[in-house]
Amino acid sequence: MIVEGILLGFLLGLGARLLFKKRPRRLGFFTGPVDLPGLWLSLLGGLVFLLVVNFIGYFPQELGQGLLRHFGLLHGILLFLMGIGFFIGGRAPGKVLAGLGFFMNGLVVLINGKMPVDLALLARLGQEEKAQLILENRVLTHGPMAGSRLGFLGDGLAYDPWWREALLMSPGDIFIGLGLMFMVFQMLVTWRKESEND
């Protein structure tokens, strides 16, 4: 969803550059600059998450076991950290949406220790093996939706495009994808206006 949001924002931004070339005010609040002073915080949170998830087996044993015991807490905090990065500086619509999406995901992960997943829906998408791994508690980041709190914020929405493997998304993932789409769109429109003024 993130890649699709960025690509769609790019295409819409290019279209807007052609359509509104001499009338940028028609785009309303999408014509202002998109300041990203907190992007480093979001990137740092994402980097730490990827490092822990992919390389936890290479950490010293005591550190690795501690991270495993408290991974739900770490996961939730990192998601909140990524969300905060989008709220630092400016209030562009895309930044707000993306930040809210990270906060929604962070909240449900903090409360449950893992991102709840609709296992029946996952199996209907042909991913029975993944569903079984989650059911057996063999996945670090995801757990069953049954019995979870705030399950409606979990991965319960099917996304099955023809160009990639089907997956489940949370409402927060949709907010993040839409937010990134609006951000890229607005950055392209703003870049067009500034380049014309030079």
C-alpha atoms as a PDB file:
ATOM      1  CA  MET A   1       0.000   0.000   0.000  1.00  0.00           C
ATOM      2  CA  ILE A   2       2.904   2.354   0.686  1.00  0.00           C
ATOM      3  CA  VAL A   3       4.445   1.825  -2.762  1.00  0.00           C
ATOM      4  CA  GLU A   4       1.056   2.205  -4.438  1.00  0.00           C
ATOM      5  CA  GLY A   5       0.365   5.418  -2.514  1.00  0.00           C
ATOM      6  CA  ILE A   6       3.688   6.950  -3.546  1.00  0.00           C
ATOM      7  CA  LEU A   7       3.246   5.956  -7.203  1.00  0.00           C
ATOM      8  CA  LEU A   8      -0.340   7.216  -7.340  1.00  0.00           C
ATOM      9  CA  GLY A   9       0.714  10.509  -5.747  1.00  0.00           C
ATOM     10  CA  PHE A  10       3.450  10.849  -8.347  1.00  0.00           C
ATOM     11  CA  LEU A  11       1.034  10.228 -11.235  1.00  0.00           C
ATOM     12  CA  LEU A  12      -1.595  12.599  -9.820  1.00  0.00           C
ATOM     13  CA  GLY A  13       1.083  15.211  -9.211  1.00  0.00           C
ATOM     14  CA  LEU A  14       2.273  15.017 -12.803  1.00  0.00           C
ATOM     15  CA  GLY A  15      -1.329  15.292 -13.987  1.00  0.00           C
ATOM     16  CA  ALA A  16      -1.894  18.353 -11.795  1.00  0.00           C
ATOM     17  CA  ARG A  17       1.218  19.999 -13.197  1.00  0.00           C
ATOM     18  CA  LEU A  18      -0.296  19.776 -16.667  1.00  0.00           C
ATOM     19  CA  LEU A  19      -3.918  20.514 -15.787  1.00  0.00           C
ATOM     20  CA  PHE A  20      -3.367  23.406 -13.368  1.00  0.00           C
ATOM     21  CA  LYS A  21      -0.269  24.887 -14.946  1.00  0.00           C
ATOM     22  CA  LYS A  22      -1.603  28.458 -14.911  1.00  0.00           C
ATOM     23  CA  ARG A  23      -4.222  28.054 -12.161  1.00  0.00           C
ATOM     24  CA  PRO A  24      -2.470  26.521  -9.109  1.00  0.00           C
ATOM     25  CA  ARG A  25      -4.948  28.079  -6.650  1.00  0.00           C
ATOM     26  CA  ARG A  26      -7.588  25.640  -7.867  1.00  0.00           C
ATOM     27  CA  LEU A  27      -5.775  22.998  -5.809  1.00  0.00           C
ATOM     28  CA  GLY A  28      -6.490  24.782  -2.505  1.00  0.00           C
ATOM     29  CA  PHE A  29      -4.480  23.560   0.494  1.00  0.00           C
ATOM     30  CA  PHE A  30      -2.489  21.122  -1.656  1.00  0.00           C
ATOM     31  CA  THR A  31      -0.442  23.995  -3.109  1.00  0.00           C
ATOM     32  CA  GLY A  32       1.510  24.844   0.068  1.00  0.00           C
ATOM     33  CA  PRO A  33       4.982  23.429   0.751  1.00  0.00           C
ATOM     34  CA  VAL A  34       5.397  20.090   2.521  1.00  0.00           C
ATOM     35  CA  ASP A  35       7.982  20.579   5.261  1.00  0.00           C
ATOM     36  CA  LEU A  36       9.591  17.371   6.507  1.00  0.00           C
ATOM     37  CA  PRO A  37      11.849  18.354   9.419  1.00  0.00           C
ATOM     38  CA  GLY A  38      10.787  15.273  11.384  1.00  0.00           C
ATOM     39  CA  LEU A  39      11.279  12.776   8.579  1.00  0.00           C
ATOM     40  CA  TRP A  40      14.542  11.629  10.167  1.00  0.00           C
ATOM     41  CA  LEU A  41      12.569  10.487  13.227  1.00  0.00           C
ATOM     42  CA  SER A  42      10.184   8.409  11.112  1.00  0.00           C
ATOM     43  CA  LEU A  43      13.083   6.906   9.170  1.00  0.00           C
ATOM     44  CA  LEU A  44      14.963   6.146  12.390  1.00  0.00           C
ATOM     45  CA  GLY A  45      11.938   4.344  13.827  1.00  0.00           C
ATOM     46  CA  GLY A  46      11.522   2.314  10.648  1.00  0.00           C
ATOM     47  CA  LEU A  47      15.219   1.459  10.506  1.00  0.00           C
ATOM     48  CA  VAL A  48      15.334   0.260  14.126  1.00  0.00           C
ATOM     49  CA  PHE A  49      12.227  -1.863  13.518  1.00  0.00           C
ATOM     50  CA  LEU A  50      13.723  -3.489  10.404  1.00  0.00           C
ATOM     51  CA  LEU A  51      17.043  -4.133  12.147  1.00  0.00           C
ATOM     52  CA  VAL A  52      15.391  -5.829  15.117  1.00  0.00           C
ATOM     53  CA  VAL A  53      12.984  -7.923  13.048  1.00  0.00           C
ATOM     54  CA  ASN A  54      15.576  -9.092  10.524  1.00  0.00           C
ATOM     55  CA  PHE A  55      18.695  -9.418  12.679  1.00  0.00           C
ATOM     56  CA  ILE A  56      17.475 -10.257  16.191  1.00  0.00           C
ATOM     57  CA  GLY A  57      19.065 -13.697  15.859  1.00  0.00           C
ATOM     58  CA  TYR A  58      22.502 -12.079  15.510  1.00  0.00           C
ATOM     59  CA  PHE A  59      22.255  -9.998  18.676  1.00  0.00           C
ATOM     60  CA  PRO A  60      24.010 -11.116  21.875  1.00  0.00           C
ATOM     61  CA  GLN A  61      21.839 -13.754  23.514  1.00  0.00           C
ATOM     62  CA  GLU A  62      20.803 -11.722  26.545  1.00  0.00           C
ATOM     63  CA  LEU A  63      19.945  -8.651  24.447  1.00  0.00           C
ATOM     64  CA  GLY A  64      18.063 -10.738  21.898  1.00  0.00           C
ATOM     65  CA  GLN A  65      15.988 -12.480  24.574  1.00  0.00           C
ATOM     66  CA  GLY A  66      15.184  -9.136  26.194  1.00  0.00           C
ATOM     67  CA  LEU A  67      14.044  -7.701  22.873  1.00  0.00           C
ATOM     68  CA  LEU A  68      11.883 -10.755  22.242  1.00  0.00           C
ATOM     69  CA  ARG A  69      10.248 -10.457  25.662  1.00  0.00           C
ATOM     70  CA  HIS A  70       9.440  -6.787  25.156  1.00  0.00           C
ATOM     71  CA  PHE A  71       9.064  -6.673  21.389  1.00  0.00           C
ATOM     72  CA  GLY A  72       5.391  -5.668  21.497  1.00  0.00           C
ATOM     73  CA  LEU A  73       6.248  -2.612  23.559  1.00  0.00           C
ATOM     74  CA  LEU A  74       9.198  -1.734  21.305  1.00  0.00           C
ATOM     75  CA  HIS A  75       7.088  -2.247  18.170  1.00  0.00           C
ATOM     76  CA  GLY A  76       4.346   0.056  19.444  1.00  0.00           C
ATOM     77  CA  ILE A  77       6.785   2.753  20.569  1.00  0.00           C
ATOM     78  CA  LEU A  78       8.563   2.710  17.199  1.00  0.00           C
ATOM     79  CA  LEU A  79       5.241   3.108  15.380  1.00  0.00           C
ATOM     80  CA  PHE A  80       4.399   6.110  17.572  1.00  0.00           C
ATOM     81  CA  LEU A  81       7.872   7.501  16.898  1.00  0.00           C
ATOM     82  CA  MET A  82       7.282   7.212  13.148  1.00  0.00           C
ATOM     83  CA  GLY A  83       3.937   8.975  13.557  1.00  0.00           C
ATOM     84  CA  ILE A  84       5.471  11.820  15.589  1.00  0.00           C
ATOM     85  CA  GLY A  85       7.978  12.390  12.777  1.00  0.00           C
ATOM     86  CA  PHE A  86       5.122  13.284  10.439  1.00  0.00           C
ATOM     87  CA  PHE A  87       3.632  15.802  12.884  1.00  0.00           C
ATOM     88  CA  ILE A  88       6.859  17.781  13.369  1.00  0.00           C
ATOM     89  CA  GLY A  89       6.674  20.999  11.337  1.00  0.00           C
ATOM     90  CA  GLY A  90       3.763  21.967   9.025  1.00  0.00           C
ATOM     91  CA  ARG A  91       0.311  20.418   8.882  1.00  0.00           C
ATOM     92  CA  ALA A  92       0.063  19.305   5.277  1.00  0.00           C
ATOM     93  CA  PRO A  93      -2.957  16.966   4.819  1.00  0.00           C
ATOM     94  CA  GLY A  94      -0.792  14.035   3.775  1.00  0.00           C
ATOM     95  CA  LYS A  95       1.477  14.368   6.807  1.00  0.00           C
ATOM     96  CA  VAL A  96      -1.512  14.399   9.149  1.00  0.00           C
ATOM     97  CA  LEU A  97      -3.044  11.297   7.534  1.00  0.00           C
ATOM     98  CA  ALA A  98       0.229   9.362   7.592  1.00  0.00           C
ATOM     99  CA  GLY A  99       0.920  10.363  11.198  1.00  0.00           C
ATOM    100  CA  LEU A 100      -2.565   9.286  12.287  1.00  0.00           C
ATOM    101  CA  GLY A 101      -2.086   5.971  10.484  1.00  0.00           C
ATOM    102  CA  PHE A 102       1.108   5.247  12.412  1.00  0.00           C
ATOM    103  CA  PHE A 103      -0.596   6.250  15.680  1.00  0.00           C
ATOM    104  CA  MET A 104      -3.532   3.896  14.959  1.00  0.00           C
ATOM    105  CA  ASN A 105      -1.181   0.997  14.267  1.00  0.00           C
ATOM    106  CA  GLY A 106       0.937   1.852  17.293  1.00  0.00           C
ATOM    107  CA  LEU A 107      -2.081   1.949  19.597  1.00  0.00           C
ATOM    108  CA  VAL A 108      -3.392  -1.485  18.629  1.00  0.00           C
ATOM    109  CA  VAL A 109       0.111  -3.010  18.806  1.00  0.00           C
ATOM    110  CA  LEU A 110       0.802  -1.503  22.251  1.00  0.00           C
ATOM    111  CA  ILE A 111      -2.503  -2.775  23.631  1.00  0.00           C
ATOM    112  CA  ASN A 112      -2.176  -6.302  22.219  1.00  0.00           C
ATOM    113  CA  GLY A 113       1.588  -6.786  21.981  1.00  0.00           C
ATOM    114  CA  LYS A 114       1.187  -7.657  18.289  1.00  0.00           C
ATOM    115  CA  MET A 115      -0.816  -6.503  15.294  1.00  0.00           C
ATOM    116  CA  PRO A 116      -4.082  -8.510  15.317  1.00  0.00           C
ATOM    117  CA  VAL A 117      -4.797 -10.384  12.082  1.00  0.00           C
ATOM    118  CA  ASP A 118      -8.069 -11.831  10.764  1.00  0.00           C
ATOM    119  CA  LEU A 119      -6.832 -15.392  10.238  1.00  0.00           C
ATOM    120  CA  ALA A 120      -9.986 -16.595   8.477  1.00  0.00           C
ATOM    121  CA  LEU A 121      -9.677 -13.820   5.915  1.00  0.00           C
ATOM    122  CA  LEU A 122      -5.974 -14.520   5.513  1.00  0.00           C
ATOM    123  CA  ALA A 123      -6.761 -18.180   4.792  1.00  0.00           C
ATOM    124  CA  ARG A 124      -9.446 -17.181   2.262  1.00  0.00           C
ATOM    125  CA  LEU A 125      -6.767 -15.220   0.421  1.00  0.00           C
ATOM    126  CA  GLY A 126      -4.848 -18.489  -0.008  1.00  0.00           C
ATOM    127  CA  GLN A 127      -2.312 -17.853   2.754  1.00  0.00           C
ATOM    128  CA  GLU A 128      -3.158 -20.724   5.079  1.00  0.00           C
ATOM    129  CA  GLU A 129       0.512 -21.275   5.928  1.00  0.00           C
ATOM    130  CA  LYS A 130       0.917 -17.721   7.206  1.00  0.00           C
ATOM    131  CA  ALA A 131      -2.308 -18.014   9.145  1.00  0.00           C
ATOM    132  CA  GLN A 132      -1.071 -21.214  10.791  1.00  0.00           C
ATOM    133  CA  LEU A 133       2.252 -19.632  11.772  1.00  0.00           C
ATOM    134  CA  ILE A 134       0.416 -16.720  13.394  1.00  0.00           C
ATOM    135  CA  LEU A 135      -1.971 -19.103  15.160  1.00  0.00           C
ATOM    136  CA  GLU A 136       1.011 -21.033  16.555  1.00  0.00           C
ATOM    137  CA  ASN A 137       2.571 -17.780  17.836  1.00  0.00           C
ATOM    138  CA  ARG A 138       5.580 -18.175  15.536  1.00  0.00           C
ATOM    139  CA  VAL A 139       5.378 -14.664  14.056  1.00  0.00           C
ATOM    140  CA  LEU A 140       7.025 -11.840  15.981  1.00  0.00           C
ATOM    141  CA  THR A 141       4.905  -8.974  14.699  1.00  0.00           C
ATOM    142  CA  HIS A 142       1.386 -10.396  14.267  1.00  0.00           C
ATOM    143  CA  GLY A 143      -1.124 -12.345  16.325  1.00  0.00           C
ATOM    144  CA  PRO A 144      -4.698 -13.675  15.984  1.00  0.00           C
ATOM    145  CA  MET A 145      -7.503 -11.126  15.967  1.00  0.00           C
ATOM    146  CA  ALA A 146      -9.771 -13.379  18.027  1.00  0.00           C
ATOM    147  CA  GLY A 147      -9.770 -12.132  21.607  1.00  0.00           C
ATOM    148  CA  SER A 148      -7.753  -9.020  20.796  1.00  0.00           C
ATOM    149  CA  ARG A 149      -8.637  -5.526  21.968  1.00  0.00           C
ATOM    150  CA  LEU A 150      -9.418  -2.806  19.423  1.00  0.00           C
ATOM    151  CA  GLY A 151      -9.405  -5.528  16.791  1.00  0.00           C
ATOM    152  CA  PHE A 152     -11.085  -3.202  14.296  1.00  0.00           C
ATOM    153  CA  LEU A 153      -7.720  -1.397  14.073  1.00  0.00           C
ATOM    154  CA  GLY A 154      -5.931  -4.634  13.165  1.00  0.00           C
ATOM    155  CA  ASP A 155      -5.198  -6.268   9.819  1.00  0.00           C
ATOM    156  CA  GLY A 156      -8.755  -7.118   8.815  1.00  0.00           C
ATOM    157  CA  LEU A 157      -9.064  -5.587   5.354  1.00  0.00           C
ATOM    158  CA  ALA A 158      -8.191  -7.599   2.261  1.00  0.00           C
ATOM    159  CA  TYR A 159      -6.011  -6.056  -0.433  1.00  0.00           C
ATOM    160  CA  ASP A 160      -5.812  -8.319  -3.468  1.00  0.00           C
ATOM    161  CA  PRO A 161      -4.562  -6.430  -6.549  1.00  0.00           C
ATOM    162  CA  TRP A 162      -3.691  -8.305  -9.720  1.00  0.00           C
ATOM    163  CA  TRP A 163      -0.070  -7.088  -9.726  1.00  0.00           C
ATOM    164  CA  ARG A 164       1.072  -8.395  -6.326  1.00  0.00           C
ATOM    165  CA  GLU A 165       0.427 -11.021  -3.677  1.00  0.00           C
ATOM    166  CA  ALA A 166      -2.747 -10.513  -1.664  1.00  0.00           C
ATOM    167  CA  LEU A 167      -2.291  -9.140   1.837  1.00  0.00           C
ATOM    168  CA  LEU A 168      -4.241  -7.827   4.784  1.00  0.00           C
ATOM    169  CA  MET A 169      -4.209  -4.200   5.831  1.00  0.00           C
ATOM    170  CA  SER A 170      -5.264  -2.243   8.861  1.00  0.00           C
ATOM    171  CA  PRO A 171      -7.188   1.052   8.765  1.00  0.00           C
ATOM    172  CA  GLY A 172      -3.901   2.660   9.830  1.00  0.00           C
ATOM    173  CA  ASP A 173      -2.170   1.224   6.748  1.00  0.00           C
ATOM    174  CA  ILE A 174      -4.813   2.889   4.556  1.00  0.00           C
ATOM    175  CA  PHE A 175      -4.252   6.221   6.296  1.00  0.00           C
ATOM    176  CA  ILE A 176      -0.491   5.864   5.788  1.00  0.00           C
ATOM    177  CA  GLY A 177      -0.880   5.003   2.093  1.00  0.00           C
ATOM    178  CA  LEU A 178      -3.285   7.892   1.470  1.00  0.00           C
ATOM    179  CA  GLY A 179      -1.078  10.251   3.447  1.00  0.00           C
ATOM    180  CA  LEU A 180       2.007   9.379   1.412  1.00  0.00           C
ATOM    181  CA  MET A 181      -0.011   9.756  -1.793  1.00  0.00           C
ATOM    182  CA  PHE A 182      -1.122  13.281  -0.802  1.00  0.00           C
ATOM    183  CA  MET A 183       2.401  14.195   0.323  1.00  0.00           C
ATOM    184  CA  VAL A 184       4.012  13.186  -2.963  1.00  0.00           C
ATOM    185  CA  PHE A 185       1.228  14.896  -4.905  1.00  0.00           C
ATOM    186  CA  GLN A 186       1.623  18.124  -2.950  1.00  0.00           C
ATOM    187  CA  MET A 187       5.419  18.079  -3.194  1.00  0.00           C
ATOM    188  CA  LEU A 188       5.220  17.770  -6.988  1.00  0.00           C
ATOM    189  CA  VAL A 189       2.716  20.617  -7.239  1.00  0.00           C
ATOM    190  CA  THR A 190       4.813  22.827  -4.968  1.00  0.00           C
ATOM    191  CA  TRP A 191       8.010  21.984  -6.840  1.00  0.00           C
ATOM    192  CA  ARG A 192       6.314  23.027 -10.073  1.00  0.00           C
ATOM    193  CA  LYS A 193       5.310  26.400  -8.638  1.00  0.00           C
ATOM    194  CA  GLU A 194       8.747  27.143  -7.177  1.00  0.00           C
ATOM    195  CA  SER A 195      10.560  26.134 -10.364  1.00  0.00           C
ATOM    196  CA  GLU A 196       8.327  28.465 -12.386  1.00  0.00           C
ATOM    197  CA  ASN A 197       9.195  31.367 -10.086  1.00  0.00           C
ATOM    198  CA  ASP A 198      12.964  30.911 -10.533  1.00  0.00           C
END
